Amino acid sequence: MSKNTLYGIFDCEQVLLASVKEIRANNIEIKEVYSPFPIHGLDKVLGLKETRMAITAFIYGCIGLSLGALMIYNIMIVDWPQNIGGKPNWTFYHNMPAFVPILFECTVLFAAHLMSITYLIRCGLFPGGESDSPDPRTTDDKFLMEIVVEGDVTAVKEILTKTGATEINEKDV
């Protein structure tokens, strides 16, 4: 059996969402959906698992908190202790209320920057990365659904046409 890849191109995200529901209801596997912007509810309709990005954000925040505390301890207690405003300078926990804003900012800084870097690397959006989008119009105003079909493609083409695809392209794999 030959494998063919069908590309259904849509003009509206709501039409695409309805088409994805219809195609998944007919037990047809959708390989990928390309969109110029995130579509609310598409991940649920496609049956994708939740990401683990929240776990990485927590880990990166803990790293930032730890490095911030280590930095404050080293600067304010070990390296250059100073009596500022009558606060004791020989212990970390006596000065903790003054250090909370700095610790919070270090946590947010590390979580935000490392999450951005992780996202860009995970999605392959680093400088010099190649786009795997089969149609450059998906970065502007079109929505594309990629379906790999084994055997006869006419039934899938009919469903795509019925559900609102404005253009259907076929490619042999």
N, C-alpha and C. Protein backbone atom coordinates (compact mmCIF):
# COMPACT_ATOMS: atom_id res chain seq x y z
N MET A 1 0.83 -1.18 0.00
CA MET A 1 0.00 0.00 0.00
C MET A 1 0.87 1.24 0.00
N SER A 2 0.45 2.21 -0.75
CA SER A 2 1.19 3.47 -0.82
C SER A 2 0.68 4.42 0.26
N LYS A 3 1.59 5.23 0.72
CA LYS A 3 1.24 6.25 1.70
C LYS A 3 1.21 7.59 1.01
N ASN A 4 0.16 8.35 1.25
CA ASN A 4 0.04 9.69 0.72
C ASN A 4 -0.17 10.66 1.88
N THR A 5 0.34 11.86 1.69
CA THR A 5 0.12 12.91 2.67
C THR A 5 -0.84 13.93 2.08
N LEU A 6 -1.92 14.18 2.78
CA LEU A 6 -2.88 15.18 2.35
C LEU A 6 -2.72 16.44 3.19
N TYR A 7 -2.77 17.59 2.52
CA TYR A 7 -2.70 18.88 3.19
C TYR A 7 -4.01 19.60 2.94
N GLY A 8 -4.83 19.72 3.97
CA GLY A 8 -6.07 20.49 3.87
C GLY A 8 -5.83 21.89 4.38
N ILE A 9 -6.11 22.88 3.54
CA ILE A 9 -5.88 24.27 3.90
C ILE A 9 -7.22 24.94 4.18
N PHE A 10 -7.27 25.67 5.30
CA PHE A 10 -8.49 26.31 5.77
C PHE A 10 -8.26 27.81 5.91
N ASP A 11 -9.36 28.58 5.81
CA ASP A 11 -9.28 30.04 5.95
C ASP A 11 -9.63 30.51 7.36
N CYS A 12 -10.37 29.72 8.12
CA CYS A 12 -10.88 30.15 9.42
C CYS A 12 -10.54 29.10 10.47
N GLU A 13 -10.17 29.56 11.66
CA GLU A 13 -9.80 28.61 12.72
C GLU A 13 -11.00 27.84 13.25
N GLN A 14 -12.17 28.43 13.24
CA GLN A 14 -13.36 27.72 13.71
C GLN A 14 -13.74 26.59 12.76
N VAL A 15 -13.58 26.83 11.46
CA VAL A 15 -13.84 25.79 10.46
C VAL A 15 -12.82 24.66 10.62
N LEU A 16 -11.56 25.03 10.86
CA LEU A 16 -10.52 24.03 11.09
C LEU A 16 -10.83 23.19 12.32
N LEU A 17 -11.25 23.84 13.40
CA LEU A 17 -11.57 23.13 14.64
C LEU A 17 -12.72 22.15 14.42
N ALA A 18 -13.75 22.57 13.71
CA ALA A 18 -14.87 21.68 13.41
C ALA A 18 -14.44 20.53 12.52
N SER A 19 -13.55 20.82 11.58
CA SER A 19 -13.05 19.77 10.68
C SER A 19 -12.21 18.75 11.44
N VAL A 20 -11.40 19.22 12.37
CA VAL A 20 -10.59 18.29 13.17
C VAL A 20 -11.50 17.36 13.97
N LYS A 21 -12.57 17.93 14.55
CA LYS A 21 -13.52 17.10 15.30
C LYS A 21 -14.15 16.04 14.41
N GLU A 22 -14.56 16.43 13.21
CA GLU A 22 -15.20 15.51 12.28
C GLU A 22 -14.23 14.41 11.82
N ILE A 23 -13.03 14.78 11.50
CA ILE A 23 -12.04 13.80 11.03
C ILE A 23 -11.66 12.84 12.15
N ARG A 24 -11.48 13.35 13.36
CA ARG A 24 -11.17 12.45 14.48
C ARG A 24 -12.35 11.54 14.81
N ALA A 25 -13.58 12.02 14.57
CA ALA A 25 -14.76 11.18 14.80
C ALA A 25 -14.82 10.02 13.80
N ASN A 26 -14.21 10.19 12.63
CA ASN A 26 -14.16 9.14 11.62
C ASN A 26 -12.91 8.26 11.77
N ASN A 27 -12.21 8.36 12.89
CA ASN A 27 -11.02 7.55 13.20
C ASN A 27 -9.91 7.73 12.18
N ILE A 28 -9.72 8.94 11.72
CA ILE A 28 -8.62 9.26 10.82
C ILE A 28 -7.57 9.99 11.65
N GLU A 29 -6.33 9.54 11.55
CA GLU A 29 -5.24 10.09 12.35
C GLU A 29 -4.71 11.37 11.71
N ILE A 30 -4.67 12.44 12.46
CA ILE A 30 -4.13 13.72 12.00
C ILE A 30 -2.69 13.81 12.48
N LYS A 31 -1.78 14.00 11.53
CA LYS A 31 -0.37 14.06 11.89
C LYS A 31 0.00 15.38 12.56
N GLU A 32 -0.44 16.50 11.97
CA GLU A 32 -0.07 17.80 12.49
C GLU A 32 -1.04 18.85 12.00
N VAL A 33 -1.17 19.94 12.77
CA VAL A 33 -1.96 21.09 12.37
C VAL A 33 -1.05 22.31 12.50
N TYR A 34 -0.97 23.09 11.42
CA TYR A 34 -0.14 24.30 11.40
C TYR A 34 -1.06 25.51 11.41
N SER A 35 -0.71 26.49 12.25
CA SER A 35 -1.56 27.65 12.43
C SER A 35 -0.68 28.88 12.66
N PRO A 36 -1.12 30.06 12.18
CA PRO A 36 -0.32 31.26 12.43
C PRO A 36 -0.40 31.75 13.88
N PHE A 37 -1.35 31.25 14.65
CA PHE A 37 -1.48 31.62 16.05
C PHE A 37 -2.11 30.47 16.81
N PRO A 38 -1.98 30.44 18.14
CA PRO A 38 -2.58 29.35 18.91
C PRO A 38 -4.10 29.36 18.81
N ILE A 39 -4.68 28.18 18.69
CA ILE A 39 -6.13 28.03 18.61
C ILE A 39 -6.61 27.40 19.91
N HIS A 40 -7.47 28.12 20.61
CA HIS A 40 -7.97 27.65 21.89
C HIS A 40 -8.78 26.36 21.71
N GLY A 41 -8.41 25.31 22.44
CA GLY A 41 -9.14 24.05 22.40
C GLY A 41 -8.64 23.07 21.37
N LEU A 42 -7.70 23.46 20.52
CA LEU A 42 -7.22 22.55 19.47
C LEU A 42 -6.47 21.37 20.05
N ASP A 43 -5.68 21.60 21.09
CA ASP A 43 -4.92 20.51 21.69
C ASP A 43 -5.84 19.45 22.28
N LYS A 44 -6.93 19.87 22.87
CA LYS A 44 -7.89 18.93 23.45
C LYS A 44 -8.58 18.12 22.35
N VAL A 45 -8.96 18.80 21.25
CA VAL A 45 -9.64 18.14 20.14
C VAL A 45 -8.71 17.16 19.44
N LEU A 46 -7.42 17.51 19.33
CA LEU A 46 -6.45 16.61 18.71
C LEU A 46 -6.09 15.43 19.61
N GLY A 47 -6.40 15.52 20.88
CA GLY A 47 -6.08 14.44 21.81
C GLY A 47 -4.65 14.48 22.29
N LEU A 48 -4.05 15.67 22.33
CA LEU A 48 -2.67 15.79 22.77
C LEU A 48 -2.58 15.75 24.29
N LYS A 49 -1.48 15.22 24.80
CA LYS A 49 -1.26 15.20 26.23
C LYS A 49 -0.86 16.59 26.72
N GLU A 50 -1.08 16.83 28.01
CA GLU A 50 -0.63 18.10 28.58
C GLU A 50 0.88 18.14 28.62
N THR A 51 1.42 19.33 28.47
CA THR A 51 2.87 19.47 28.49
C THR A 51 3.40 19.42 29.92
N ARG A 52 4.70 19.26 30.03
CA ARG A 52 5.36 19.25 31.33
C ARG A 52 6.09 20.57 31.57
N MET A 53 5.65 21.62 30.88
CA MET A 53 6.32 22.91 31.01
C MET A 53 6.13 23.50 32.41
N ALA A 54 5.02 23.22 33.06
CA ALA A 54 4.81 23.75 34.42
C ALA A 54 5.82 23.14 35.39
N ILE A 55 6.15 21.88 35.19
CA ILE A 55 7.14 21.23 36.05
C ILE A 55 8.51 21.87 35.84
N THR A 56 8.86 22.14 34.57
CA THR A 56 10.15 22.78 34.32
C THR A 56 10.16 24.20 34.87
N ALA A 57 9.04 24.90 34.82
CA ALA A 57 8.98 26.25 35.39
C ALA A 57 9.23 26.20 36.90
N PHE A 58 8.65 25.23 37.57
CA PHE A 58 8.87 25.08 39.01
C PHE A 58 10.34 24.78 39.30
N ILE A 59 10.93 23.88 38.53
CA ILE A 59 12.34 23.52 38.74
C ILE A 59 13.23 24.73 38.49
N TYR A 60 12.96 25.47 37.40
CA TYR A 60 13.77 26.65 37.12
C TYR A 60 13.59 27.72 38.19
N GLY A 61 12.39 27.87 38.72
CA GLY A 61 12.16 28.81 39.81
C GLY A 61 12.92 28.42 41.06
N CYS A 62 12.96 27.11 41.36
CA CYS A 62 13.73 26.63 42.52
C CYS A 62 15.22 26.88 42.33
N ILE A 63 15.70 26.70 41.11
CA ILE A 63 17.11 26.99 40.82
C ILE A 63 17.40 28.47 41.05
N GLY A 64 16.51 29.34 40.55
CA GLY A 64 16.68 30.78 40.75
C GLY A 64 16.65 31.17 42.21
N LEU A 65 15.70 30.58 42.96
CA LEU A 65 15.61 30.86 44.39
C LEU A 65 16.89 30.42 45.11
N SER A 66 17.39 29.24 44.79
CA SER A 66 18.60 28.73 45.43
C SER A 66 19.82 29.58 45.10
N LEU A 67 19.97 29.91 43.81
CA LEU A 67 21.13 30.73 43.44
C LEU A 67 21.02 32.14 43.99
N GLY A 68 19.79 32.68 44.07
CA GLY A 68 19.60 34.00 44.68
C GLY A 68 19.97 33.98 46.15
N ALA A 69 19.54 32.95 46.87
CA ALA A 69 19.88 32.84 48.30
C ALA A 69 21.38 32.66 48.49
N LEU A 70 22.00 31.86 47.63
CA LEU A 70 23.45 31.66 47.71
C LEU A 70 24.18 32.97 47.43
N MET A 71 23.72 33.72 46.44
CA MET A 71 24.34 35.00 46.11
C MET A 71 24.20 36.00 47.28
N ILE A 72 23.00 36.11 47.84
CA ILE A 72 22.78 37.04 48.95
C ILE A 72 23.62 36.64 50.16
N TYR A 73 23.64 35.36 50.47
CA TYR A 73 24.42 34.90 51.61
C TYR A 73 25.90 35.23 51.40
N ASN A 74 26.40 34.96 50.22
CA ASN A 74 27.81 35.20 49.95
C ASN A 74 28.14 36.69 50.00
N ILE A 75 27.28 37.51 49.42
CA ILE A 75 27.56 38.95 49.38
C ILE A 75 27.34 39.62 50.73
N MET A 76 26.20 39.36 51.36
CA MET A 76 25.81 40.12 52.55
C MET A 76 26.30 39.53 53.88
N ILE A 77 26.62 38.25 53.91
CA ILE A 77 27.02 37.63 55.18
C ILE A 77 28.51 37.30 55.18
N VAL A 78 28.99 36.67 54.11
CA VAL A 78 30.37 36.19 54.09
C VAL A 78 31.34 37.25 53.59
N ASP A 79 31.08 37.77 52.38
CA ASP A 79 32.07 38.62 51.71
C ASP A 79 32.15 40.04 52.27
N TRP A 80 31.01 40.71 52.44
CA TRP A 80 31.05 42.10 52.85
C TRP A 80 29.89 42.40 53.79
N PRO A 81 29.92 41.91 55.01
CA PRO A 81 28.83 42.19 55.95
C PRO A 81 28.85 43.66 56.39
N GLN A 82 27.67 44.27 56.31
CA GLN A 82 27.56 45.67 56.72
C GLN A 82 26.33 45.83 57.60
N ASN A 83 26.43 46.77 58.53
CA ASN A 83 25.30 47.10 59.39
C ASN A 83 24.49 48.18 58.67
N ILE A 84 23.41 47.78 58.03
CA ILE A 84 22.58 48.71 57.27
C ILE A 84 21.28 48.89 58.03
N GLY A 85 21.03 50.08 58.54
CA GLY A 85 19.78 50.37 59.24
C GLY A 85 19.65 49.62 60.55
N GLY A 86 20.72 49.22 61.16
CA GLY A 86 20.68 48.55 62.45
C GLY A 86 20.34 47.08 62.37
N LYS A 87 20.30 46.52 61.16
CA LYS A 87 19.98 45.10 61.01
C LYS A 87 21.21 44.26 61.34
N PRO A 88 20.99 43.12 61.96
CA PRO A 88 22.15 42.26 62.24
C PRO A 88 22.72 41.71 60.94
N ASN A 89 24.03 41.57 60.90
CA ASN A 89 24.67 41.16 59.66
C ASN A 89 25.40 39.82 59.77
N TRP A 90 25.23 39.13 60.86
CA TRP A 90 25.99 37.90 61.02
C TRP A 90 25.20 36.63 60.71
N THR A 91 23.88 36.74 60.50
CA THR A 91 23.10 35.56 60.15
C THR A 91 22.18 35.86 58.98
N PHE A 92 21.91 34.84 58.22
CA PHE A 92 21.06 34.98 57.04
C PHE A 92 19.60 35.13 57.43
N TYR A 93 19.15 34.33 58.40
CA TYR A 93 17.72 34.32 58.73
C TYR A 93 17.27 35.58 59.46
N HIS A 94 18.14 36.29 60.13
CA HIS A 94 17.75 37.56 60.76
C HIS A 94 17.44 38.63 59.71
N ASN A 95 18.11 38.54 58.57
CA ASN A 95 17.93 39.52 57.49
C ASN A 95 16.93 39.07 56.43
N MET A 96 16.28 37.94 56.62
CA MET A 96 15.41 37.37 55.60
C MET A 96 14.33 38.34 55.08
N PRO A 97 13.63 39.11 55.93
CA PRO A 97 12.61 40.02 55.38
C PRO A 97 13.17 41.01 54.35
N ALA A 98 14.39 41.44 54.52
CA ALA A 98 15.00 42.36 53.55
C ALA A 98 15.39 41.64 52.26
N PHE A 99 15.60 40.33 52.34
CA PHE A 99 16.05 39.58 51.17
C PHE A 99 14.90 39.02 50.33
N VAL A 100 13.69 39.03 50.85
CA VAL A 100 12.56 38.42 50.13
C VAL A 100 12.34 39.01 48.74
N PRO A 101 12.35 40.34 48.56
CA PRO A 101 12.15 40.86 47.19
C PRO A 101 13.22 40.40 46.21
N ILE A 102 14.44 40.34 46.66
CA ILE A 102 15.53 39.90 45.79
C ILE A 102 15.36 38.43 45.43
N LEU A 103 15.00 37.62 46.41
CA LEU A 103 14.79 36.20 46.15
C LEU A 103 13.62 35.99 45.18
N PHE A 104 12.56 36.75 45.35
CA PHE A 104 11.41 36.65 44.44
C PHE A 104 11.83 37.01 43.02
N GLU A 105 12.56 38.10 42.86
CA GLU A 105 12.98 38.53 41.52
C GLU A 105 13.93 37.52 40.88
N CYS A 106 14.81 36.91 41.65
CA CYS A 106 15.70 35.88 41.10
C CYS A 106 14.89 34.67 40.65
N THR A 107 13.88 34.31 41.43
CA THR A 107 13.01 33.18 41.05
C THR A 107 12.31 33.45 39.74
N VAL A 108 11.71 34.63 39.60
CA VAL A 108 10.99 34.98 38.38
C VAL A 108 11.94 35.10 37.20
N LEU A 109 13.11 35.70 37.42
CA LEU A 109 14.09 35.87 36.35
C LEU A 109 14.52 34.53 35.77
N PHE A 110 14.89 33.60 36.64
CA PHE A 110 15.35 32.31 36.17
C PHE A 110 14.22 31.51 35.52
N ALA A 111 13.05 31.52 36.14
CA ALA A 111 11.93 30.76 35.57
C ALA A 111 11.56 31.30 34.19
N ALA A 112 11.45 32.60 34.05
CA ALA A 112 11.03 33.18 32.77
C ALA A 112 12.06 32.96 31.68
N HIS A 113 13.31 33.25 31.95
CA HIS A 113 14.33 33.12 30.91
C HIS A 113 14.59 31.67 30.53
N LEU A 114 14.71 30.80 31.52
CA LEU A 114 14.98 29.40 31.20
C LEU A 114 13.77 28.73 30.54
N MET A 115 12.55 29.15 30.90
CA MET A 115 11.35 28.63 30.22
C MET A 115 11.35 29.05 28.76
N SER A 116 11.70 30.30 28.48
CA SER A 116 11.75 30.77 27.10
C SER A 116 12.79 30.00 26.30
N ILE A 117 13.95 29.80 26.87
CA ILE A 117 15.01 29.06 26.18
C ILE A 117 14.58 27.61 25.96
N THR A 118 13.98 26.99 26.97
CA THR A 118 13.51 25.61 26.83
C THR A 118 12.46 25.49 25.74
N TYR A 119 11.52 26.43 25.71
CA TYR A 119 10.47 26.41 24.69
C TYR A 119 11.06 26.55 23.29
N LEU A 120 11.97 27.48 23.11
CA LEU A 120 12.55 27.69 21.79
C LEU A 120 13.36 26.48 21.32
N ILE A 121 14.10 25.86 22.23
CA ILE A 121 14.88 24.67 21.85
C ILE A 121 13.95 23.50 21.57
N ARG A 122 12.95 23.31 22.41
CA ARG A 122 12.01 22.18 22.26
C ARG A 122 11.22 22.27 20.95
N CYS A 123 10.86 23.49 20.55
CA CYS A 123 10.10 23.69 19.31
C CYS A 123 10.99 23.84 18.09
N GLY A 124 12.28 23.85 18.27
CA GLY A 124 13.19 23.99 17.14
C GLY A 124 13.22 25.39 16.56
N LEU A 125 12.96 26.39 17.39
CA LEU A 125 12.91 27.77 16.92
C LEU A 125 14.19 28.54 17.23
N PHE A 126 15.27 27.84 17.42
CA PHE A 126 16.54 28.49 17.70
C PHE A 126 17.09 29.11 16.41
N PRO A 127 18.03 30.05 16.50
CA PRO A 127 18.57 30.67 15.30
C PRO A 127 19.19 29.62 14.36
N GLY A 128 18.81 29.69 13.10
CA GLY A 128 19.31 28.74 12.11
C GLY A 128 18.45 27.50 11.99
N GLY A 129 17.41 27.38 12.80
CA GLY A 129 16.52 26.22 12.73
C GLY A 129 15.67 26.26 11.46
N GLU A 130 15.41 25.12 10.89
CA GLU A 130 14.61 25.01 9.67
C GLU A 130 13.15 24.81 10.02
N SER A 131 12.28 25.48 9.29
CA SER A 131 10.84 25.31 9.47
C SER A 131 10.39 24.03 8.80
N ASP A 132 9.49 23.29 9.45
CA ASP A 132 8.97 22.07 8.85
C ASP A 132 7.55 22.26 8.33
N SER A 133 7.12 23.53 8.21
CA SER A 133 5.80 23.82 7.70
C SER A 133 5.76 23.54 6.19
N PRO A 134 4.80 22.74 5.73
CA PRO A 134 4.75 22.41 4.31
C PRO A 134 4.24 23.55 3.44
N ASP A 135 3.67 24.57 4.01
CA ASP A 135 3.12 25.69 3.23
C ASP A 135 3.45 26.99 3.95
N PRO A 136 4.18 27.90 3.31
CA PRO A 136 4.56 29.14 4.00
C PRO A 136 3.38 30.04 4.34
N ARG A 137 2.22 29.82 3.76
CA ARG A 137 1.05 30.65 4.07
C ARG A 137 0.55 30.42 5.49
N THR A 138 0.99 29.33 6.14
CA THR A 138 0.55 29.07 7.52
C THR A 138 1.16 30.05 8.51
N THR A 139 2.15 30.81 8.11
CA THR A 139 2.72 31.83 9.00
C THR A 139 2.02 33.16 8.84
N ASP A 140 1.07 33.24 7.91
CA ASP A 140 0.40 34.50 7.63
C ASP A 140 -1.09 34.45 7.95
N ASP A 141 -1.87 33.70 7.15
CA ASP A 141 -3.32 33.75 7.32
C ASP A 141 -4.03 32.43 7.03
N LYS A 142 -3.33 31.35 6.80
CA LYS A 142 -3.96 30.07 6.47
C LYS A 142 -3.70 29.06 7.58
N PHE A 143 -4.58 28.07 7.64
CA PHE A 143 -4.48 26.98 8.60
C PHE A 143 -4.35 25.70 7.81
N LEU A 144 -3.44 24.81 8.22
CA LEU A 144 -3.15 23.61 7.45
C LEU A 144 -3.28 22.38 8.34
N MET A 145 -3.93 21.36 7.81
CA MET A 145 -4.04 20.08 8.51
C MET A 145 -3.31 19.04 7.67
N GLU A 146 -2.40 18.32 8.30
CA GLU A 146 -1.60 17.30 7.61
C GLU A 146 -2.08 15.92 8.04
N ILE A 147 -2.46 15.11 7.04
CA ILE A 147 -2.97 13.77 7.31
C ILE A 147 -2.20 12.79 6.44
N VAL A 148 -1.66 11.73 7.06
CA VAL A 148 -1.01 10.66 6.31
C VAL A 148 -2.02 9.54 6.13
N VAL A 149 -2.26 9.17 4.85
CA VAL A 149 -3.28 8.18 4.52
C VAL A 149 -2.62 7.02 3.80
N GLU A 150 -2.95 5.81 4.25
CA GLU A 150 -2.50 4.61 3.54
C GLU A 150 -3.62 4.13 2.64
N GLY A 151 -3.31 3.93 1.38
CA GLY A 151 -4.33 3.42 0.46
C GLY A 151 -5.11 4.53 -0.21
N ASP A 152 -6.43 4.35 -0.30
CA ASP A 152 -7.31 5.25 -1.03
C ASP A 152 -7.54 6.55 -0.24
N VAL A 153 -7.33 7.68 -0.92
CA VAL A 153 -7.44 8.97 -0.27
C VAL A 153 -8.74 9.69 -0.58
N THR A 154 -9.58 9.10 -1.40
CA THR A 154 -10.78 9.81 -1.83
C THR A 154 -11.75 10.06 -0.68
N ALA A 155 -11.89 9.11 0.24
CA ALA A 155 -12.81 9.30 1.37
C ALA A 155 -12.34 10.45 2.26
N VAL A 156 -11.03 10.53 2.49
CA VAL A 156 -10.50 11.60 3.32
C VAL A 156 -10.66 12.94 2.61
N LYS A 157 -10.42 12.96 1.30
CA LYS A 157 -10.61 14.20 0.54
C LYS A 157 -12.06 14.67 0.60
N GLU A 158 -12.99 13.74 0.52
CA GLU A 158 -14.41 14.10 0.60
C GLU A 158 -14.75 14.72 1.95
N ILE A 159 -14.20 14.12 3.03
CA ILE A 159 -14.47 14.66 4.37
C ILE A 159 -13.86 16.05 4.50
N LEU A 160 -12.64 16.23 4.00
CA LEU A 160 -12.00 17.55 4.07
C LEU A 160 -12.81 18.59 3.29
N THR A 161 -13.27 18.22 2.12
CA THR A 161 -14.07 19.15 1.32
C THR A 161 -15.39 19.47 2.01
N LYS A 162 -16.02 18.43 2.57
CA LYS A 162 -17.31 18.61 3.24
C LYS A 162 -17.18 19.50 4.48
N THR A 163 -16.06 19.41 5.17
CA THR A 163 -15.90 20.17 6.41
C THR A 163 -15.32 21.57 6.21
N GLY A 164 -15.05 21.96 4.96
CA GLY A 164 -14.69 23.35 4.72
C GLY A 164 -13.27 23.64 4.28
N ALA A 165 -12.53 22.64 3.82
CA ALA A 165 -11.18 22.90 3.32
C ALA A 165 -11.28 23.64 2.00
N THR A 166 -10.56 24.76 1.89
CA THR A 166 -10.61 25.54 0.65
C THR A 166 -9.66 25.00 -0.39
N GLU A 167 -8.67 24.24 0.05
CA GLU A 167 -7.67 23.68 -0.87
C GLU A 167 -7.16 22.37 -0.30
N ILE A 168 -6.98 21.37 -1.15
CA ILE A 168 -6.44 20.08 -0.72
C ILE A 168 -5.29 19.73 -1.65
N ASN A 169 -4.12 19.54 -1.06
CA ASN A 169 -2.93 19.16 -1.81
C ASN A 169 -2.54 17.75 -1.40
N GLU A 170 -1.97 17.00 -2.35
CA GLU A 170 -1.57 15.62 -2.08
C GLU A 170 -0.10 15.45 -2.43
N LYS A 171 0.57 14.66 -1.60
CA LYS A 171 1.99 14.39 -1.81
C LYS A 171 2.25 12.92 -1.52
N ASP A 172 2.98 12.24 -2.42
CA ASP A 172 3.37 10.85 -2.17
C ASP A 172 4.52 10.80 -1.19
N VAL A 173 4.42 9.87 -0.25
CA VAL A 173 5.48 9.72 0.76
C VAL A 173 6.50 8.73 0.28
